[in-house]
């Protein structure tokens, strides 16, 4: 619970209230109270990767969150059509991420046939 997504968002909402954010303001902002850019996300992900001693952090980007999220959901037993909806994928690009998971290849192939 200490680091759950629910708790972190609750803390963020309290901070936004303290910052006098309006409902129409972007949900996530940078230190200048501006909408977070793709560059901000990539910088944050690469900083964490570097601090975690992950080799070759230059291949990691904000898109790593999409593939990582899809992978985590798949490994948690969520079916690919639900993951596709959660990630707002319009195409079957999600299959590119999930194809790298050998334990899921059989079930993904079966689901794709449906």
N, C-alpha and C. Protein backbone atom coordinates (compact mmCIF):
# COMPACT_ATOMS: atom_id res chain seq x y z
N UNK A 1 0.82 -1.20 0.00
CA UNK A 1 0.00 0.00 0.00
C UNK A 1 0.86 1.25 0.00
N UNK A 2 2.05 1.18 0.64
CA UNK A 2 2.90 2.36 0.77
C UNK A 2 3.23 2.99 -0.58
N UNK A 3 3.44 2.16 -1.62
CA UNK A 3 3.79 2.68 -2.93
C UNK A 3 2.77 2.31 -4.00
N UNK A 4 1.54 2.05 -3.59
CA UNK A 4 0.53 1.67 -4.56
C UNK A 4 0.19 2.86 -5.45
N UNK A 5 -0.28 2.56 -6.64
CA UNK A 5 -0.67 3.61 -7.58
C UNK A 5 -1.76 4.47 -6.96
N UNK A 6 -2.72 3.84 -6.30
CA UNK A 6 -3.81 4.59 -5.67
C UNK A 6 -3.25 5.62 -4.68
N UNK A 7 -2.33 5.18 -3.83
CA UNK A 7 -1.76 6.08 -2.83
C UNK A 7 -0.97 7.21 -3.48
N UNK A 8 -0.18 6.88 -4.50
CA UNK A 8 0.60 7.92 -5.17
C UNK A 8 -0.29 8.95 -5.86
N UNK A 9 -1.38 8.49 -6.47
CA UNK A 9 -2.29 9.44 -7.11
C UNK A 9 -3.01 10.28 -6.06
N UNK A 10 -3.36 9.68 -4.93
CA UNK A 10 -3.99 10.43 -3.84
C UNK A 10 -3.06 11.55 -3.36
N UNK A 11 -1.79 11.21 -3.20
CA UNK A 11 -0.80 12.23 -2.78
C UNK A 11 -0.69 13.31 -3.85
N UNK A 12 -0.66 12.90 -5.13
CA UNK A 12 -0.54 13.86 -6.22
C UNK A 12 -1.75 14.80 -6.25
N UNK A 13 -2.94 14.27 -6.02
CA UNK A 13 -4.14 15.10 -6.01
C UNK A 13 -4.09 16.14 -4.88
N UNK A 14 -3.55 15.74 -3.73
CA UNK A 14 -3.39 16.68 -2.62
C UNK A 14 -2.38 17.77 -3.00
N UNK A 15 -1.30 17.38 -3.66
CA UNK A 15 -0.31 18.37 -4.10
C UNK A 15 -0.92 19.34 -5.11
N UNK A 16 -1.71 18.80 -6.03
CA UNK A 16 -2.36 19.66 -7.04
C UNK A 16 -3.28 20.67 -6.36
N UNK A 17 -3.99 20.23 -5.33
CA UNK A 17 -4.87 21.14 -4.60
C UNK A 17 -4.05 22.25 -3.96
N UNK A 18 -2.92 21.87 -3.37
CA UNK A 18 -2.01 22.84 -2.75
C UNK A 18 -1.47 23.81 -3.80
N UNK A 19 -1.25 23.31 -5.04
CA UNK A 19 -0.73 24.16 -6.12
C UNK A 19 -1.84 24.98 -6.77
N UNK A 20 -3.08 24.84 -6.24
CA UNK A 20 -4.25 25.56 -6.76
C UNK A 20 -4.54 25.21 -8.22
N UNK A 21 -4.35 23.94 -8.55
CA UNK A 21 -4.64 23.47 -9.91
C UNK A 21 -6.15 23.48 -10.13
N UNK A 22 -6.55 23.85 -11.33
CA UNK A 22 -7.96 23.84 -11.70
C UNK A 22 -8.28 22.50 -12.37
N UNK A 23 -9.55 22.08 -12.36
CA UNK A 23 -9.91 20.80 -12.99
C UNK A 23 -9.50 20.71 -14.46
N UNK A 24 -9.51 21.83 -15.17
CA UNK A 24 -9.17 21.82 -16.60
C UNK A 24 -7.66 21.83 -16.86
N UNK A 25 -6.85 22.00 -15.79
CA UNK A 25 -5.40 21.99 -15.95
C UNK A 25 -4.92 20.56 -16.24
N UNK A 26 -3.77 20.43 -16.91
CA UNK A 26 -3.22 19.09 -17.16
C UNK A 26 -3.04 18.34 -15.84
N UNK A 27 -3.30 17.03 -15.87
CA UNK A 27 -3.19 16.23 -14.66
C UNK A 27 -1.75 16.11 -14.19
N UNK A 28 -0.83 15.88 -15.13
CA UNK A 28 0.58 15.78 -14.79
C UNK A 28 1.30 16.99 -15.36
N UNK A 29 2.06 17.66 -14.51
CA UNK A 29 2.80 18.85 -14.93
C UNK A 29 4.25 18.73 -14.48
N UNK A 30 5.11 19.53 -15.13
CA UNK A 30 6.52 19.55 -14.73
C UNK A 30 6.73 20.60 -13.64
N UNK A 31 7.97 20.85 -13.30
CA UNK A 31 8.27 21.78 -12.21
C UNK A 31 7.86 23.22 -12.53
N UNK A 32 7.62 23.51 -13.82
CA UNK A 32 7.15 24.86 -14.22
C UNK A 32 5.64 24.92 -14.32
N UNK A 33 4.96 23.87 -13.82
CA UNK A 33 3.50 23.78 -13.86
C UNK A 33 2.97 23.75 -15.29
N UNK A 34 3.76 23.17 -16.22
CA UNK A 34 3.37 23.03 -17.61
C UNK A 34 3.10 21.56 -17.91
N UNK A 35 2.29 21.32 -18.91
CA UNK A 35 1.99 19.94 -19.32
C UNK A 35 3.30 19.19 -19.54
N UNK A 36 3.36 17.96 -19.06
CA UNK A 36 4.56 17.14 -19.24
C UNK A 36 4.70 16.77 -20.71
N UNK A 37 5.91 16.92 -21.21
CA UNK A 37 6.19 16.59 -22.61
C UNK A 37 6.75 15.18 -22.73
N UNK A 38 6.82 14.68 -23.96
CA UNK A 38 7.44 13.38 -24.20
C UNK A 38 8.90 13.40 -23.73
N UNK A 39 9.55 14.53 -23.94
CA UNK A 39 10.95 14.66 -23.53
C UNK A 39 11.07 14.55 -22.00
N UNK A 40 10.15 15.16 -21.27
CA UNK A 40 10.15 15.06 -19.80
C UNK A 40 10.04 13.61 -19.35
N UNK A 41 9.14 12.86 -19.99
CA UNK A 41 8.93 11.46 -19.62
C UNK A 41 10.17 10.64 -19.94
N UNK A 42 10.72 10.83 -21.15
CA UNK A 42 11.93 10.10 -21.54
C UNK A 42 13.08 10.40 -20.59
N UNK A 43 13.24 11.66 -20.23
CA UNK A 43 14.32 12.04 -19.30
C UNK A 43 14.13 11.34 -17.95
N UNK A 44 12.91 11.32 -17.45
CA UNK A 44 12.64 10.68 -16.16
C UNK A 44 12.90 9.18 -16.21
N UNK A 45 12.44 8.53 -17.27
CA UNK A 45 12.64 7.08 -17.40
C UNK A 45 14.12 6.76 -17.52
N UNK A 46 14.85 7.53 -18.31
CA UNK A 46 16.29 7.28 -18.47
C UNK A 46 17.06 7.56 -17.17
N UNK A 47 16.64 8.56 -16.41
CA UNK A 47 17.29 8.86 -15.13
C UNK A 47 17.12 7.69 -14.17
N UNK A 48 15.92 7.14 -14.11
CA UNK A 48 15.67 5.99 -13.23
C UNK A 48 16.48 4.78 -13.72
N UNK A 49 16.52 4.58 -15.03
CA UNK A 49 17.29 3.45 -15.58
C UNK A 49 18.77 3.58 -15.23
N UNK A 50 19.30 4.77 -15.38
CA UNK A 50 20.71 5.00 -15.08
C UNK A 50 20.97 4.80 -13.58
N UNK A 51 20.10 5.32 -12.74
CA UNK A 51 20.26 5.18 -11.29
C UNK A 51 20.12 3.73 -10.86
N UNK A 52 19.41 2.93 -11.66
CA UNK A 52 19.21 1.52 -11.35
C UNK A 52 20.27 0.63 -11.99
N UNK A 53 21.28 1.27 -12.59
CA UNK A 53 22.37 0.55 -13.27
C UNK A 53 21.88 -0.35 -14.40
N UNK A 54 20.85 0.08 -15.11
CA UNK A 54 20.37 -0.66 -16.27
C UNK A 54 21.29 -0.28 -17.43
N UNK A 55 21.92 -1.29 -18.04
CA UNK A 55 22.85 -0.98 -19.12
C UNK A 55 22.15 -0.41 -20.34
N UNK A 56 22.88 0.43 -21.06
CA UNK A 56 22.39 1.00 -22.32
C UNK A 56 21.06 1.72 -22.15
N UNK A 57 21.03 2.67 -21.23
CA UNK A 57 19.78 3.39 -20.96
C UNK A 57 19.34 4.27 -22.13
N UNK A 58 20.16 4.42 -23.16
CA UNK A 58 19.76 5.24 -24.32
C UNK A 58 18.67 4.58 -25.15
N UNK A 59 18.51 3.25 -25.05
CA UNK A 59 17.45 2.58 -25.80
C UNK A 59 16.12 2.64 -25.04
N UNK A 60 16.15 3.15 -23.83
CA UNK A 60 14.94 3.27 -23.02
C UNK A 60 14.33 4.64 -23.25
N UNK A 61 13.01 4.65 -23.41
CA UNK A 61 12.31 5.92 -23.63
C UNK A 61 10.95 5.87 -22.96
N UNK A 62 10.17 6.88 -23.16
CA UNK A 62 8.81 6.89 -22.64
C UNK A 62 7.98 5.75 -23.20
N UNK A 63 8.30 5.32 -24.41
CA UNK A 63 7.57 4.20 -25.02
C UNK A 63 7.84 2.90 -24.28
N UNK A 64 8.93 2.87 -23.53
CA UNK A 64 9.23 1.69 -22.72
C UNK A 64 8.11 1.45 -21.72
N UNK A 65 7.45 2.52 -21.29
CA UNK A 65 6.34 2.38 -20.36
C UNK A 65 5.17 1.66 -21.01
N UNK A 66 4.95 1.92 -22.30
CA UNK A 66 3.86 1.25 -23.03
C UNK A 66 4.14 -0.24 -23.15
N UNK A 67 5.34 -0.57 -23.61
CA UNK A 67 5.67 -1.98 -23.78
C UNK A 67 5.75 -2.68 -22.43
N UNK A 68 6.33 -2.02 -21.45
CA UNK A 68 6.43 -2.60 -20.11
C UNK A 68 5.06 -2.80 -19.48
N UNK A 69 4.18 -1.82 -19.67
CA UNK A 69 2.83 -1.94 -19.14
C UNK A 69 2.06 -3.07 -19.80
N UNK A 70 2.17 -3.17 -21.12
CA UNK A 70 1.50 -4.25 -21.85
C UNK A 70 2.03 -5.61 -21.40
N UNK A 71 3.33 -5.69 -21.23
CA UNK A 71 3.95 -6.95 -20.80
C UNK A 71 3.48 -7.32 -19.40
N UNK A 72 3.49 -6.36 -18.50
CA UNK A 72 3.06 -6.62 -17.12
C UNK A 72 1.61 -7.08 -17.08
N UNK A 73 0.75 -6.40 -17.83
CA UNK A 73 -0.66 -6.79 -17.86
C UNK A 73 -0.83 -8.21 -18.42
N UNK A 74 -0.10 -8.52 -19.48
CA UNK A 74 -0.18 -9.85 -20.08
C UNK A 74 0.28 -10.92 -19.09
N UNK A 75 1.40 -10.65 -18.42
CA UNK A 75 1.90 -11.61 -17.44
C UNK A 75 0.97 -11.74 -16.24
N UNK A 76 0.12 -10.73 -16.04
CA UNK A 76 -0.86 -10.78 -14.94
C UNK A 76 -2.13 -11.50 -15.36
N UNK A 77 -2.15 -11.97 -16.61
CA UNK A 77 -3.30 -12.74 -17.07
C UNK A 77 -4.37 -11.95 -17.79
N UNK A 78 -4.10 -10.69 -18.09
CA UNK A 78 -5.09 -9.86 -18.80
C UNK A 78 -5.04 -10.23 -20.28
N UNK A 79 -6.20 -10.41 -20.91
CA UNK A 79 -6.22 -10.81 -22.32
C UNK A 79 -5.81 -9.64 -23.22
N UNK A 80 -5.33 -9.97 -24.42
CA UNK A 80 -4.74 -8.95 -25.28
C UNK A 80 -5.75 -7.91 -25.75
N UNK A 81 -7.02 -8.26 -25.89
CA UNK A 81 -8.00 -7.26 -26.33
C UNK A 81 -8.23 -6.21 -25.24
N UNK A 82 -8.19 -6.63 -23.98
CA UNK A 82 -8.32 -5.68 -22.87
C UNK A 82 -7.09 -4.79 -22.78
N UNK A 83 -5.92 -5.38 -22.95
CA UNK A 83 -4.67 -4.59 -22.93
C UNK A 83 -4.69 -3.57 -24.07
N UNK A 84 -5.16 -4.01 -25.22
CA UNK A 84 -5.26 -3.12 -26.38
C UNK A 84 -6.16 -1.92 -26.06
N UNK A 85 -7.27 -2.16 -25.37
CA UNK A 85 -8.18 -1.09 -25.00
C UNK A 85 -7.55 -0.16 -23.96
N UNK A 86 -6.88 -0.74 -22.97
CA UNK A 86 -6.24 0.06 -21.93
C UNK A 86 -5.18 0.98 -22.53
N UNK A 87 -4.40 0.44 -23.47
CA UNK A 87 -3.32 1.21 -24.09
C UNK A 87 -3.78 2.08 -25.25
N UNK A 88 -5.08 2.03 -25.54
CA UNK A 88 -5.67 2.82 -26.62
C UNK A 88 -5.01 2.52 -27.97
N UNK A 89 -4.65 1.23 -28.18
CA UNK A 89 -4.08 0.82 -29.45
C UNK A 89 -5.20 0.67 -30.46
N UNK A 90 -5.04 1.27 -31.62
CA UNK A 90 -6.01 1.14 -32.71
C UNK A 90 -5.65 -0.03 -33.62
N UNK A 91 -4.36 -0.38 -33.64
CA UNK A 91 -3.89 -1.48 -34.48
C UNK A 91 -3.50 -2.66 -33.60
N UNK A 92 -2.92 -3.67 -34.21
CA UNK A 92 -2.45 -4.83 -33.46
C UNK A 92 -0.97 -4.68 -33.09
N UNK A 93 -0.49 -3.45 -32.96
CA UNK A 93 0.92 -3.21 -32.60
C UNK A 93 1.27 -3.84 -31.26
N UNK A 94 0.29 -4.00 -30.40
CA UNK A 94 0.52 -4.63 -29.10
C UNK A 94 1.11 -6.02 -29.26
N UNK A 95 0.76 -6.70 -30.35
CA UNK A 95 1.26 -8.06 -30.57
C UNK A 95 2.78 -8.07 -30.69
N UNK A 96 3.35 -6.97 -31.15
CA UNK A 96 4.81 -6.85 -31.25
C UNK A 96 5.44 -6.97 -29.86
N UNK A 97 4.85 -6.32 -28.87
CA UNK A 97 5.37 -6.37 -27.50
C UNK A 97 5.17 -7.76 -26.89
N UNK A 98 4.00 -8.31 -27.10
CA UNK A 98 3.65 -9.57 -26.44
C UNK A 98 4.29 -10.79 -27.11
N UNK A 99 4.69 -10.66 -28.35
CA UNK A 99 5.30 -11.78 -29.06
C UNK A 99 6.63 -12.19 -28.43
N UNK A 100 7.25 -11.30 -27.69
CA UNK A 100 8.54 -11.59 -27.06
C UNK A 100 8.37 -12.42 -25.79
N UNK A 101 7.15 -12.70 -25.40
CA UNK A 101 6.89 -13.47 -24.19
C UNK A 101 6.57 -14.91 -24.56
N UNK A 102 7.56 -15.79 -24.51
CA UNK A 102 7.34 -17.17 -24.95
C UNK A 102 6.18 -17.86 -24.23
N UNK A 103 6.01 -17.60 -22.95
CA UNK A 103 4.95 -18.29 -22.20
C UNK A 103 3.56 -17.86 -22.66
N UNK A 104 3.48 -16.72 -23.33
CA UNK A 104 2.18 -16.24 -23.79
C UNK A 104 1.93 -16.53 -25.26
N UNK A 105 2.97 -16.90 -26.00
CA UNK A 105 2.81 -17.07 -27.44
C UNK A 105 1.68 -18.02 -27.82
N UNK A 106 1.53 -19.11 -27.13
CA UNK A 106 0.49 -20.06 -27.46
C UNK A 106 -0.89 -19.46 -27.22
N UNK A 107 -1.08 -18.83 -26.05
CA UNK A 107 -2.40 -18.27 -25.75
C UNK A 107 -2.70 -17.07 -26.63
N UNK A 108 -1.69 -16.27 -26.97
CA UNK A 108 -1.91 -15.11 -27.86
C UNK A 108 -2.32 -15.60 -29.24
N UNK A 109 -1.63 -16.61 -29.74
CA UNK A 109 -1.98 -17.16 -31.06
C UNK A 109 -3.41 -17.67 -31.06
N UNK A 110 -3.81 -18.32 -29.98
CA UNK A 110 -5.18 -18.83 -29.89
C UNK A 110 -6.19 -17.70 -29.85
N UNK A 111 -5.88 -16.61 -29.09
CA UNK A 111 -6.78 -15.48 -28.99
C UNK A 111 -6.89 -14.76 -30.34
N UNK A 112 -5.78 -14.66 -31.06
CA UNK A 112 -5.77 -13.97 -32.35
C UNK A 112 -6.66 -14.70 -33.37
N UNK A 113 -6.82 -16.00 -33.19
CA UNK A 113 -7.64 -16.78 -34.12
C UNK A 113 -9.12 -16.55 -33.87
N UNK A 114 -9.49 -16.05 -32.67
CA UNK A 114 -10.91 -15.88 -32.33
C UNK A 114 -11.54 -14.75 -33.09
